Amino acid sequence: MYAVIETGGKQLAVREGDVVRVEKLEAAPGDVVTLDRVLLVGNGRPRMGAPTVDGATVQARVVRTGRGRKIAVMKFKAKAHSRRKTGHRQAFTELRIERITVPAG
């Protein structure tokens, strides 16, 4: 079974047992989080929501939290001798998908 979930303004296709990185959630490692913004579920025949599938949930366990690799951000203005270099590391939460639940019907 697979599902398409929305979290942190992004959509992810997940299956049971997958480990995915999402935008940072307020949860500690080992906690179980329930994601209820399920846009599509499928097990052979897909079932789409409008915009979400009623009653469908995805349960996931928090594996760890952290920050991603550093990216360099450059600002440059030609002919003005203006250069600015900064960096950014995006916070993430790593989840292990444990169960996809869909009500009958």
PDB file of N, CA and C in Angstrom:
ATOM      1  N   MET A   1       0.844  -1.172   0.000  1.00  0.00           N
ATOM      2  CA  MET A   1       0.000   0.000   0.000  1.00  0.00           C
ATOM      3  C   MET A   1       0.889   1.235   0.000  1.00  0.00           C
ATOM      4  N   TYR A   2       0.442   2.257  -0.709  1.00  0.00           N
ATOM      5  CA  TYR A   2       1.189   3.498  -0.766  1.00  0.00           C
ATOM      6  C   TYR A   2       0.235   4.664  -0.546  1.00  0.00           C
ATOM      7  N   ALA A   3       0.814   5.826  -0.242  1.00  0.00           N
ATOM      8  CA  ALA A   3       0.014   7.022  -0.010  1.00  0.00           C
ATOM      9  C   ALA A   3       0.810   8.240  -0.425  1.00  0.00           C
ATOM     10  N   VAL A   4       0.089   9.296  -0.764  1.00  0.00           N
ATOM     11  CA  VAL A   4       0.701  10.593  -1.011  1.00  0.00           C
ATOM     12  C   VAL A   4       0.245  11.498   0.121  1.00  0.00           C
ATOM     13  N   ILE A   5       1.213  12.007   0.893  1.00  0.00           N
ATOM     14  CA  ILE A   5       0.892  12.845   2.046  1.00  0.00           C
ATOM     15  C   ILE A   5       1.403  14.255   1.805  1.00  0.00           C
ATOM     16  N   GLU A   6       0.841  15.192   2.553  1.00  0.00           N
ATOM     17  CA  GLU A   6       1.309  16.568   2.499  1.00  0.00           C
ATOM     18  C   GLU A   6       1.745  16.969   3.898  1.00  0.00           C
ATOM     19  N   THR A   7       2.971  17.463   3.994  1.00  0.00           N
ATOM     20  CA  THR A   7       3.481  17.967   5.254  1.00  0.00           C
ATOM     21  C   THR A   7       4.558  19.000   4.962  1.00  0.00           C
ATOM     22  N   GLY A   8       4.518  20.074   5.690  1.00  0.00           N
ATOM     23  CA  GLY A   8       5.502  21.128   5.499  1.00  0.00           C
ATOM     24  C   GLY A   8       5.394  21.815   4.151  1.00  0.00           C
ATOM     25  N   GLY A   9       4.189  21.806   3.552  1.00  0.00           N
ATOM     26  CA  GLY A   9       3.999  22.443   2.261  1.00  0.00           C
ATOM     27  C   GLY A   9       4.513  21.626   1.091  1.00  0.00           C
ATOM     28  N   LYS A  10       4.902  20.382   1.346  1.00  0.00           N
ATOM     29  CA  LYS A  10       5.409  19.517   0.285  1.00  0.00           C
ATOM     30  C   LYS A  10       4.616  18.221   0.256  1.00  0.00           C
ATOM     31  N   GLN A  11       4.570  17.593  -0.904  1.00  0.00           N
ATOM     32  CA  GLN A  11       3.880  16.320  -1.061  1.00  0.00           C
ATOM     33  C   GLN A  11       4.902  15.209  -1.236  1.00  0.00           C
ATOM     34  N   LEU A  12       4.661  14.077  -0.553  1.00  0.00           N
ATOM     35  CA  LEU A  12       5.579  12.940  -0.607  1.00  0.00           C
ATOM     36  C   LEU A  12       4.796  11.659  -0.869  1.00  0.00           C
ATOM     37  N   ALA A  13       5.332  10.804  -1.730  1.00  0.00           N
ATOM     38  CA  ALA A  13       4.779   9.474  -1.926  1.00  0.00           C
ATOM     39  C   ALA A  13       5.505   8.539  -0.965  1.00  0.00           C
ATOM     40  N   VAL A  14       4.751   7.817  -0.126  1.00  0.00           N
ATOM     41  CA  VAL A  14       5.365   6.957   0.888  1.00  0.00           C
ATOM     42  C   VAL A  14       4.741   5.563   0.861  1.00  0.00           C
ATOM     43  N   ARG A  15       5.513   4.594   1.320  1.00  0.00           N
ATOM     44  CA  ARG A  15       5.052   3.213   1.529  1.00  0.00           C
ATOM     45  C   ARG A  15       5.402   2.818   2.958  1.00  0.00           C
ATOM     46  N   GLU A  16       4.769   1.781   3.450  1.00  0.00           N
ATOM     47  CA  GLU A  16       5.091   1.294   4.792  1.00  0.00           C
ATOM     48  C   GLU A  16       6.533   0.817   4.805  1.00  0.00           C
ATOM     49  N   GLY A  17       7.291   1.238   5.827  1.00  0.00           N
ATOM     50  CA  GLY A  17       8.687   0.864   5.953  1.00  0.00           C
ATOM     51  C   GLY A  17       9.645   1.898   5.394  1.00  0.00           C
ATOM     52  N   ASP A  18       9.153   2.872   4.629  1.00  0.00           N
ATOM     53  CA  ASP A  18      10.019   3.912   4.072  1.00  0.00           C
ATOM     54  C   ASP A  18      10.551   4.824   5.167  1.00  0.00           C
ATOM     55  N   VAL A  19      11.741   5.376   4.950  1.00  0.00           N
ATOM     56  CA  VAL A  19      12.299   6.411   5.815  1.00  0.00           C
ATOM     57  C   VAL A  19      12.396   7.676   4.967  1.00  0.00           C
ATOM     58  N   VAL A  20      11.688   8.727   5.392  1.00  0.00           N
ATOM     59  CA  VAL A  20      11.621   9.964   4.610  1.00  0.00           C
ATOM     60  C   VAL A  20      12.017  11.148   5.478  1.00  0.00           C
ATOM     61  N   ARG A  21      12.509  12.196   4.823  1.00  0.00           N
ATOM     62  CA  ARG A  21      12.824  13.449   5.506  1.00  0.00           C
ATOM     63  C   ARG A  21      11.756  14.469   5.181  1.00  0.00           C
ATOM     64  N   VAL A  22      11.223  15.092   6.224  1.00  0.00           N
ATOM     65  CA  VAL A  22      10.198  16.125   6.059  1.00  0.00           C
ATOM     66  C   VAL A  22      10.672  17.387   6.777  1.00  0.00           C
ATOM     67  N   GLU A  23       9.954  18.479   6.564  1.00  0.00           N
ATOM     68  CA  GLU A  23      10.260  19.704   7.288  1.00  0.00           C
ATOM     69  C   GLU A  23      10.149  19.431   8.778  1.00  0.00           C
ATOM     70  N   LYS A  24      10.865  20.179   9.587  1.00  0.00           N
ATOM     71  CA  LYS A  24      10.957  19.916  11.018  1.00  0.00           C
ATOM     72  C   LYS A  24       9.590  19.886  11.692  1.00  0.00           C
ATOM     73  N   LEU A  25       9.341  18.826  12.456  1.00  0.00           N
ATOM     74  CA  LEU A  25       8.127  18.664  13.254  1.00  0.00           C
ATOM     75  C   LEU A  25       8.489  18.790  14.729  1.00  0.00           C
ATOM     76  N   GLU A  26       7.534  19.228  15.522  1.00  0.00           N
ATOM     77  CA  GLU A  26       7.758  19.343  16.971  1.00  0.00           C
ATOM     78  C   GLU A  26       7.520  17.981  17.607  1.00  0.00           C
ATOM     79  N   ALA A  27       8.488  17.094  17.490  1.00  0.00           N
ATOM     80  CA  ALA A  27       8.402  15.759  18.063  1.00  0.00           C
ATOM     81  C   ALA A  27       9.814  15.282  18.378  1.00  0.00           C
ATOM     82  N   ALA A  28       9.930  14.501  19.429  1.00  0.00           N
ATOM     83  CA  ALA A  28      11.227  13.970  19.849  1.00  0.00           C
ATOM     84  C   ALA A  28      11.476  12.622  19.184  1.00  0.00           C
ATOM     85  N   PRO A  29      12.739  12.226  19.032  1.00  0.00           N
ATOM     86  CA  PRO A  29      13.030  10.899  18.474  1.00  0.00           C
ATOM     87  C   PRO A  29      12.356   9.803  19.292  1.00  0.00           C
ATOM     88  N   GLY A  30      11.726   8.869  18.592  1.00  0.00           N
ATOM     89  CA  GLY A  30      10.989   7.795  19.238  1.00  0.00           C
ATOM     90  C   GLY A  30       9.502   8.053  19.321  1.00  0.00           C
ATOM     91  N   ASP A  31       9.069   9.303  19.184  1.00  0.00           N
ATOM     92  CA  ASP A  31       7.640   9.627  19.220  1.00  0.00           C
ATOM     93  C   ASP A  31       6.948   9.106  17.966  1.00  0.00           C
ATOM     94  N   VAL A  32       5.660   8.834  18.103  1.00  0.00           N
ATOM     95  CA  VAL A  32       4.832   8.450  16.962  1.00  0.00           C
ATOM     96  C   VAL A  32       3.994   9.657  16.567  1.00  0.00           C
ATOM     97  N   VAL A  33       4.056  10.027  15.290  1.00  0.00           N
ATOM     98  CA  VAL A  33       3.264  11.143  14.788  1.00  0.00           C
ATOM     99  C   VAL A  33       2.236  10.607  13.806  1.00  0.00           C
ATOM    100  N   THR A  34       1.075  11.249  13.781  1.00  0.00           N
ATOM    101  CA  THR A  34       0.000  10.871  12.866  1.00  0.00           C
ATOM    102  C   THR A  34      -0.151  11.981  11.841  1.00  0.00           C
ATOM    103  N   LEU A  35      -0.001  11.626  10.586  1.00  0.00           N
ATOM    104  CA  LEU A  35      -0.146  12.573   9.485  1.00  0.00           C
ATOM    105  C   LEU A  35      -1.528  12.347   8.869  1.00  0.00           C
ATOM    106  N   ASP A  36      -2.391  13.351   8.943  1.00  0.00           N
ATOM    107  CA  ASP A  36      -3.763  13.167   8.471  1.00  0.00           C
ATOM    108  C   ASP A  36      -4.053  13.865   7.148  1.00  0.00           C
ATOM    109  N   ARG A  37      -3.074  14.571   6.582  1.00  0.00           N
ATOM    110  CA  ARG A  37      -3.252  15.194   5.267  1.00  0.00           C
ATOM    111  C   ARG A  37      -2.838  14.175   4.198  1.00  0.00           C
ATOM    112  N   VAL A  38      -3.708  13.182   3.973  1.00  0.00           N
ATOM    113  CA  VAL A  38      -3.457  12.129   2.993  1.00  0.00           C
ATOM    114  C   VAL A  38      -4.227  12.490   1.726  1.00  0.00           C
ATOM    115  N   LEU A  39      -3.509  12.726   0.645  1.00  0.00           N
ATOM    116  CA  LEU A  39      -4.128  13.170  -0.597  1.00  0.00           C
ATOM    117  C   LEU A  39      -4.555  12.020  -1.491  1.00  0.00           C
ATOM    118  N   LEU A  40      -3.858  10.888  -1.394  1.00  0.00           N
ATOM    119  CA  LEU A  40      -4.154   9.741  -2.240  1.00  0.00           C
ATOM    120  C   LEU A  40      -3.669   8.482  -1.537  1.00  0.00           C
ATOM    121  N   VAL A  41      -4.443   7.419  -1.624  1.00  0.00           N
ATOM    122  CA  VAL A  41      -3.995   6.113  -1.128  1.00  0.00           C
ATOM    123  C   VAL A  41      -4.244   5.098  -2.226  1.00  0.00           C
ATOM    124  N   GLY A  42      -3.402   4.083  -2.264  1.00  0.00           N
ATOM    125  CA  GLY A  42      -3.568   3.083  -3.298  1.00  0.00           C
ATOM    126  C   GLY A  42      -3.066   1.733  -2.865  1.00  0.00           C
ATOM    127  N   ASN A  43      -3.788   0.729  -3.307  1.00  0.00           N
ATOM    128  CA  ASN A  43      -3.388  -0.658  -3.139  1.00  0.00           C
ATOM    129  C   ASN A  43      -3.925  -1.378  -4.374  1.00  0.00           C
ATOM    130  N   GLY A  44      -3.272  -1.148  -5.485  1.00  0.00           N
ATOM    131  CA  GLY A  44      -3.814  -1.623  -6.748  1.00  0.00           C
ATOM    132  C   GLY A  44      -4.615  -0.519  -7.415  1.00  0.00           C
ATOM    133  N   ARG A  45      -5.746  -0.171  -6.839  1.00  0.00           N
ATOM    134  CA  ARG A  45      -6.604   0.885  -7.385  1.00  0.00           C
ATOM    135  C   ARG A  45      -6.499   2.125  -6.499  1.00  0.00           C
ATOM    136  N   PRO A  46      -6.020   3.248  -7.049  1.00  0.00           N
ATOM    137  CA  PRO A  46      -5.852   4.444  -6.229  1.00  0.00           C
ATOM    138  C   PRO A  46      -7.176   5.093  -5.838  1.00  0.00           C
ATOM    139  N   ARG A  47      -7.147   5.720  -4.666  1.00  0.00           N
ATOM    140  CA  ARG A  47      -8.325   6.436  -4.162  1.00  0.00           C
ATOM    141  C   ARG A  47      -7.880   7.862  -3.839  1.00  0.00           C
ATOM    142  N   MET A  48      -8.444   8.829  -4.561  1.00  0.00           N
ATOM    143  CA  MET A  48      -8.049  10.220  -4.396  1.00  0.00           C
ATOM    144  C   MET A  48      -9.019  10.946  -3.500  1.00  0.00           C
ATOM    145  N   GLY A  49      -8.500  11.934  -2.787  1.00  0.00           N
ATOM    146  CA  GLY A  49      -9.331  12.763  -1.942  1.00  0.00           C
ATOM    147  C   GLY A  49      -9.633  14.082  -2.624  1.00  0.00           C
ATOM    148  N   ALA A  50     -10.539  14.832  -2.021  1.00  0.00           N
ATOM    149  CA  ALA A  50     -10.897  16.142  -2.570  1.00  0.00           C
ATOM    150  C   ALA A  50     -10.973  17.146  -1.441  1.00  0.00           C
ATOM    151  N   PRO A  51      -9.919  17.687  -0.892  1.00  0.00           N
ATOM    152  CA  PRO A  51      -8.517  17.467  -1.247  1.00  0.00           C
ATOM    153  C   PRO A  51      -7.876  16.303  -0.502  1.00  0.00           C
ATOM    154  N   THR A  52      -8.479  15.828   0.610  1.00  0.00           N
ATOM    155  CA  THR A  52      -7.875  14.713   1.340  1.00  0.00           C
ATOM    156  C   THR A  52      -8.834  13.537   1.376  1.00  0.00           C
ATOM    157  N   VAL A  53      -8.283  12.344   1.601  1.00  0.00           N
ATOM    158  CA  VAL A  53      -9.101  11.145   1.736  1.00  0.00           C
ATOM    159  C   VAL A  53      -9.665  11.130   3.152  1.00  0.00           C
ATOM    160  N   ASP A  54     -10.983  11.092   3.274  1.00  0.00           N
ATOM    161  CA  ASP A  54     -11.642  11.140   4.581  1.00  0.00           C
ATOM    162  C   ASP A  54     -11.257   9.942   5.433  1.00  0.00           C
ATOM    163  N   GLY A  55     -10.754  10.212   6.634  1.00  0.00           N
ATOM    164  CA  GLY A  55     -10.436   9.162   7.600  1.00  0.00           C
ATOM    165  C   GLY A  55      -9.107   8.470   7.390  1.00  0.00           C
ATOM    166  N   ALA A  56      -8.409   8.765   6.313  1.00  0.00           N
ATOM    167  CA  ALA A  56      -7.121   8.107   6.052  1.00  0.00           C
ATOM    168  C   ALA A  56      -6.030   8.793   6.876  1.00  0.00           C
ATOM    169  N   THR A  57      -5.164   7.982   7.474  1.00  0.00           N
ATOM    170  CA  THR A  57      -4.046   8.513   8.259  1.00  0.00           C
ATOM    171  C   THR A  57      -2.785   7.708   7.965  1.00  0.00           C
ATOM    172  N   VAL A  58      -1.663   8.336   8.222  1.00  0.00           N
ATOM    173  CA  VAL A  58      -0.367   7.666   8.113  1.00  0.00           C
ATOM    174  C   VAL A  58       0.327   7.841   9.449  1.00  0.00           C
ATOM    175  N   GLN A  59       0.712   6.722  10.070  1.00  0.00           N
ATOM    176  CA  GLN A  59       1.444   6.779  11.333  1.00  0.00           C
ATOM    177  C   GLN A  59       2.923   6.561  11.056  1.00  0.00           C
ATOM    178  N   ALA A  60       3.747   7.416  11.676  1.00  0.00           N
ATOM    179  CA  ALA A  60       5.191   7.338  11.468  1.00  0.00           C
ATOM    180  C   ALA A  60       5.900   7.545  12.792  1.00  0.00           C
ATOM    181  N   ARG A  61       7.068   6.937  12.921  1.00  0.00           N
ATOM    182  CA  ARG A  61       7.888   7.094  14.120  1.00  0.00           C
ATOM    183  C   ARG A  61       9.065   8.000  13.769  1.00  0.00           C
ATOM    184  N   VAL A  62       9.356   8.939  14.666  1.00  0.00           N
ATOM    185  CA  VAL A  62      10.458   9.864  14.455  1.00  0.00           C
ATOM    186  C   VAL A  62      11.773   9.123  14.698  1.00  0.00           C
ATOM    187  N   VAL A  63      12.619   9.086  13.671  1.00  0.00           N
ATOM    188  CA  VAL A  63      13.914   8.428  13.789  1.00  0.00           C
ATOM    189  C   VAL A  63      14.925   9.405  14.384  1.00  0.00           C
ATOM    190  N   ARG A  64      14.992  10.611  13.804  1.00  0.00           N
ATOM    191  CA  ARG A  64      15.908  11.618  14.311  1.00  0.00           C
ATOM    192  C   ARG A  64      15.533  12.974  13.735  1.00  0.00           C
ATOM    193  N   THR A  65      16.091  14.008  14.334  1.00  0.00           N
ATOM    194  CA  THR A  65      15.960  15.351  13.800  1.00  0.00           C
ATOM    195  C   THR A  65      17.363  15.869  13.535  1.00  0.00           C
ATOM    196  N   GLY A  66      17.473  16.825  12.669  1.00  0.00           N
ATOM    197  CA  GLY A  66      18.803  17.352  12.367  1.00  0.00           C
ATOM    198  C   GLY A  66      18.714  18.514  11.406  1.00  0.00           C
ATOM    199  N   ARG A  67      19.867  18.848  10.865  1.00  0.00           N
ATOM    200  CA  ARG A  67      19.942  19.919   9.882  1.00  0.00           C
ATOM    201  C   ARG A  67      20.670  19.391   8.660  1.00  0.00           C
ATOM    202  N   GLY A  68      20.213  19.796   7.498  1.00  0.00           N
ATOM    203  CA  GLY A  68      20.771  19.316   6.253  1.00  0.00           C
ATOM    204  C   GLY A  68      22.126  19.918   5.943  1.00  0.00           C
ATOM    205  N   ARG A  69      22.636  19.586   4.772  1.00  0.00           N
ATOM    206  CA  ARG A  69      23.929  20.111   4.331  1.00  0.00           C
ATOM    207  C   ARG A  69      23.847  21.615   4.129  1.00  0.00           C
ATOM    208  N   LYS A  70      24.971  22.263   4.294  1.00  0.00           N
ATOM    209  CA  LYS A  70      25.014  23.708   4.125  1.00  0.00           C
ATOM    210  C   LYS A  70      25.021  24.066   2.638  1.00  0.00           C
ATOM    211  N   ILE A  71      24.192  25.056   2.301  1.00  0.00           N
ATOM    212  CA  ILE A  71      24.211  25.571   0.944  1.00  0.00           C
ATOM    213  C   ILE A  71      24.699  27.015   0.997  1.00  0.00           C
ATOM    214  N   ALA A  72      25.443  27.410  -0.008  1.00  0.00           N
ATOM    215  CA  ALA A  72      25.967  28.771  -0.076  1.00  0.00           C
ATOM    216  C   ALA A  72      24.975  29.649  -0.818  1.00  0.00           C
ATOM    217  N   VAL A  73      24.708  30.818  -0.256  1.00  0.00           N
ATOM    218  CA  VAL A  73      23.810  31.789  -0.866  1.00  0.00           C
ATOM    219  C   VAL A  73      24.644  33.011  -1.205  1.00  0.00           C
ATOM    220  N   MET A  74      24.709  33.351  -2.486  1.00  0.00           N
ATOM    221  CA  MET A  74      25.500  34.495  -2.934  1.00  0.00           C
ATOM    222  C   MET A  74      24.582  35.591  -3.443  1.00  0.00           C
ATOM    223  N   LYS A  75      24.879  36.830  -3.016  1.00  0.00           N
ATOM    224  CA  LYS A  75      24.203  37.998  -3.566  1.00  0.00           C
ATOM    225  C   LYS A  75      25.279  38.828  -4.244  1.00  0.00           C
ATOM    226  N   PHE A  76      25.005  39.273  -5.446  1.00  0.00           N
ATOM    227  CA  PHE A  76      25.999  39.998  -6.221  1.00  0.00           C
ATOM    228  C   PHE A  76      25.308  41.086  -7.017  1.00  0.00           C
ATOM    229  N   LYS A  77      25.862  42.291  -6.967  1.00  0.00           N
ATOM    230  CA  LYS A  77      25.343  43.394  -7.765  1.00  0.00           C
ATOM    231  C   LYS A  77      26.467  43.885  -8.665  1.00  0.00           C
ATOM    232  N   ALA A  78      26.256  43.794  -9.943  1.00  0.00           N
ATOM    233  CA  ALA A  78      27.277  44.184 -10.904  1.00  0.00           C
ATOM    234  C   ALA A  78      27.562  45.681 -10.807  1.00  0.00           C
ATOM    235  N   LYS A  79      28.816  46.038 -10.994  1.00  0.00           N
ATOM    236  CA  LYS A  79      29.290  47.423 -11.047  1.00  0.00           C
ATOM    237  C   LYS A  79      29.108  48.183  -9.741  1.00  0.00           C
ATOM    238  N   ALA A  80      28.718  47.521  -8.673  1.00  0.00           N
ATOM    239  CA  ALA A  80      28.505  48.217  -7.400  1.00  0.00           C
ATOM    240  C   ALA A  80      29.467  47.721  -6.325  1.00  0.00           C
ATOM    241  N   HIS A  81      30.350  46.805  -6.675  1.00  0.00           N
ATOM    242  CA  HIS A  81      31.285  46.205  -5.716  1.00  0.00           C
ATOM    243  C   HIS A  81      30.546  45.650  -4.497  1.00  0.00           C
ATOM    244  N   SER A  82      29.387  45.059  -4.744  1.00  0.00           N
ATOM    245  CA  SER A  82      28.570  44.517  -3.661  1.00  0.00           C
ATOM    246  C   SER A  82      28.528  42.999  -3.793  1.00  0.00           C
ATOM    247  N   ARG A  83      29.077  42.326  -2.796  1.00  0.00           N
ATOM    248  CA  ARG A  83      29.046  40.864  -2.760  1.00  0.00           C
ATOM    249  C   ARG A  83      28.726  40.447  -1.339  1.00  0.00           C
ATOM    250  N   ARG A  84      27.861  39.469  -1.209  1.00  0.00           N
ATOM    251  CA  ARG A  84      27.491  38.987   0.117  1.00  0.00           C
ATOM    252  C   ARG A  84      27.347  37.470   0.032  1.00  0.00           C
ATOM    253  N   LYS A  85      28.030  36.757   0.908  1.00  0.00           N
ATOM    254  CA  LYS A  85      27.945  35.299   0.932  1.00  0.00           C
ATOM    255  C   LYS A  85      27.444  34.871   2.299  1.00  0.00           C
ATOM    256  N   THR A  86      26.374  34.110   2.313  1.00  0.00           N
ATOM    257  CA  THR A  86      25.846  33.542   3.548  1.00  0.00           C
ATOM    258  C   THR A  86      25.557  32.069   3.311  1.00  0.00           C
ATOM    259  N   GLY A  87      25.260  31.357   4.362  1.00  0.00           N
ATOM    260  CA  GLY A  87      24.940  29.941   4.250  1.00  0.00           C
ATOM    261  C   GLY A  87      23.614  29.638   4.915  1.00  0.00           C
ATOM    262  N   HIS A  88      23.080  28.463   4.611  1.00  0.00           N
ATOM    263  CA  HIS A  88      21.799  28.050   5.195  1.00  0.00           C
ATOM    264  C   HIS A  88      21.793  26.538   5.369  1.00  0.00           C
ATOM    265  N   ARG A  89      21.287  26.097   6.510  1.00  0.00           N
ATOM    266  CA  ARG A  89      21.092  24.669   6.765  1.00  0.00           C
ATOM    267  C   ARG A  89      19.648  24.475   7.181  1.00  0.00           C
ATOM    268  N   GLN A  90      18.894  23.711   6.392  1.00  0.00           N
ATOM    269  CA  GLN A  90      17.474  23.500   6.636  1.00  0.00           C
ATOM    270  C   GLN A  90      17.277  22.400   7.685  1.00  0.00           C
ATOM    271  N   ALA A  91      16.426  22.670   8.667  1.00  0.00           N
ATOM    272  CA  ALA A  91      16.113  21.672   9.698  1.00  0.00           C
ATOM    273  C   ALA A  91      15.161  20.627   9.121  1.00  0.00           C
ATOM    274  N   PHE A  92      15.332  19.369   9.550  1.00  0.00           N
ATOM    275  CA  PHE A  92      14.474  18.289   9.065  1.00  0.00           C
ATOM    276  C   PHE A  92      14.145  17.325  10.187  1.00  0.00           C
ATOM    277  N   THR A  93      13.124  16.522   9.956  1.00  0.00           N
ATOM    278  CA  THR A  93      12.767  15.408  10.819  1.00  0.00           C
ATOM    279  C   THR A  93      12.726  14.166   9.948  1.00  0.00           C
ATOM    280  N   GLU A  94      13.396  13.108  10.368  1.00  0.00           N
ATOM    281  CA  GLU A  94      13.417  11.863   9.615  1.00  0.00           C
ATOM    282  C   GLU A  94      12.366  10.931  10.207  1.00  0.00           C
ATOM    283  N   LEU A  95      11.461  10.442   9.359  1.00  0.00           N
ATOM    284  CA  LEU A  95      10.348   9.600   9.804  1.00  0.00           C
ATOM    285  C   LEU A  95      10.435   8.219   9.172  1.00  0.00           C
ATOM    286  N   ARG A  96      10.057   7.193   9.938  1.00  0.00           N
ATOM    287  CA  ARG A  96       9.884   5.842   9.403  1.00  0.00           C
ATOM    288  C   ARG A  96       8.384   5.578   9.347  1.00  0.00           C
ATOM    289  N   ILE A  97       7.872   5.333   8.161  1.00  0.00           N
ATOM    290  CA  ILE A  97       6.440   5.112   7.973  1.00  0.00           C
ATOM    291  C   ILE A  97       6.100   3.726   8.511  1.00  0.00           C
ATOM    292  N   GLU A  98       5.172   3.679   9.483  1.00  0.00           N
ATOM    293  CA  GLU A  98       4.830   2.408  10.110  1.00  0.00           C
ATOM    294  C   GLU A  98       3.507   1.829   9.615  1.00  0.00           C
ATOM    295  N   ARG A  99       2.510   2.686   9.417  1.00  0.00           N
ATOM    296  CA  ARG A  99       1.191   2.155   9.051  1.00  0.00           C
ATOM    297  C   ARG A  99       0.420   3.181   8.237  1.00  0.00           C
ATOM    298  N   ILE A 100      -0.243   2.697   7.196  1.00  0.00           N
ATOM    299  CA  ILE A 100      -1.163   3.507   6.408  1.00  0.00           C
ATOM    300  C   ILE A 100      -2.553   2.945   6.643  1.00  0.00           C
ATOM    301  N   THR A 101      -3.437   3.776   7.197  1.00  0.00           N
ATOM    302  CA  THR A 101      -4.782   3.333   7.568  1.00  0.00           C
ATOM    303  C   THR A 101      -5.807   4.003   6.679  1.00  0.00           C
ATOM    304  N   VAL A 102      -6.697   3.187   6.099  1.00  0.00           N
ATOM    305  CA  VAL A 102      -7.760   3.699   5.241  1.00  0.00           C
ATOM    306  C   VAL A 102      -9.076   3.078   5.709  1.00  0.00           C
ATOM    307  N   PRO A 103     -10.115   3.902   5.946  1.00  0.00           N
ATOM    308  CA  PRO A 103     -11.401   3.321   6.316  1.00  0.00           C
ATOM    309  C   PRO A 103     -12.022   2.572   5.142  1.00  0.00           C
ATOM    310  N   ALA A 104     -12.815   1.567   5.447  1.00  0.00           N
ATOM    311  CA  ALA A 104     -13.466   0.785   4.404  1.00  0.00           C
ATOM    312  C   ALA A 104     -14.482   1.650   3.655  1.00  0.00           C
ATOM    313  N   GLY A 105     -14.579   1.392   2.356  1.00  0.00           N
ATOM    314  CA  GLY A 105     -15.597   2.115   1.584  1.00  0.00           C
ATOM    315  C   GLY A 105     -15.128   2.703   0.377  1.00  0.00           C
TER     316      GLY A 105
END
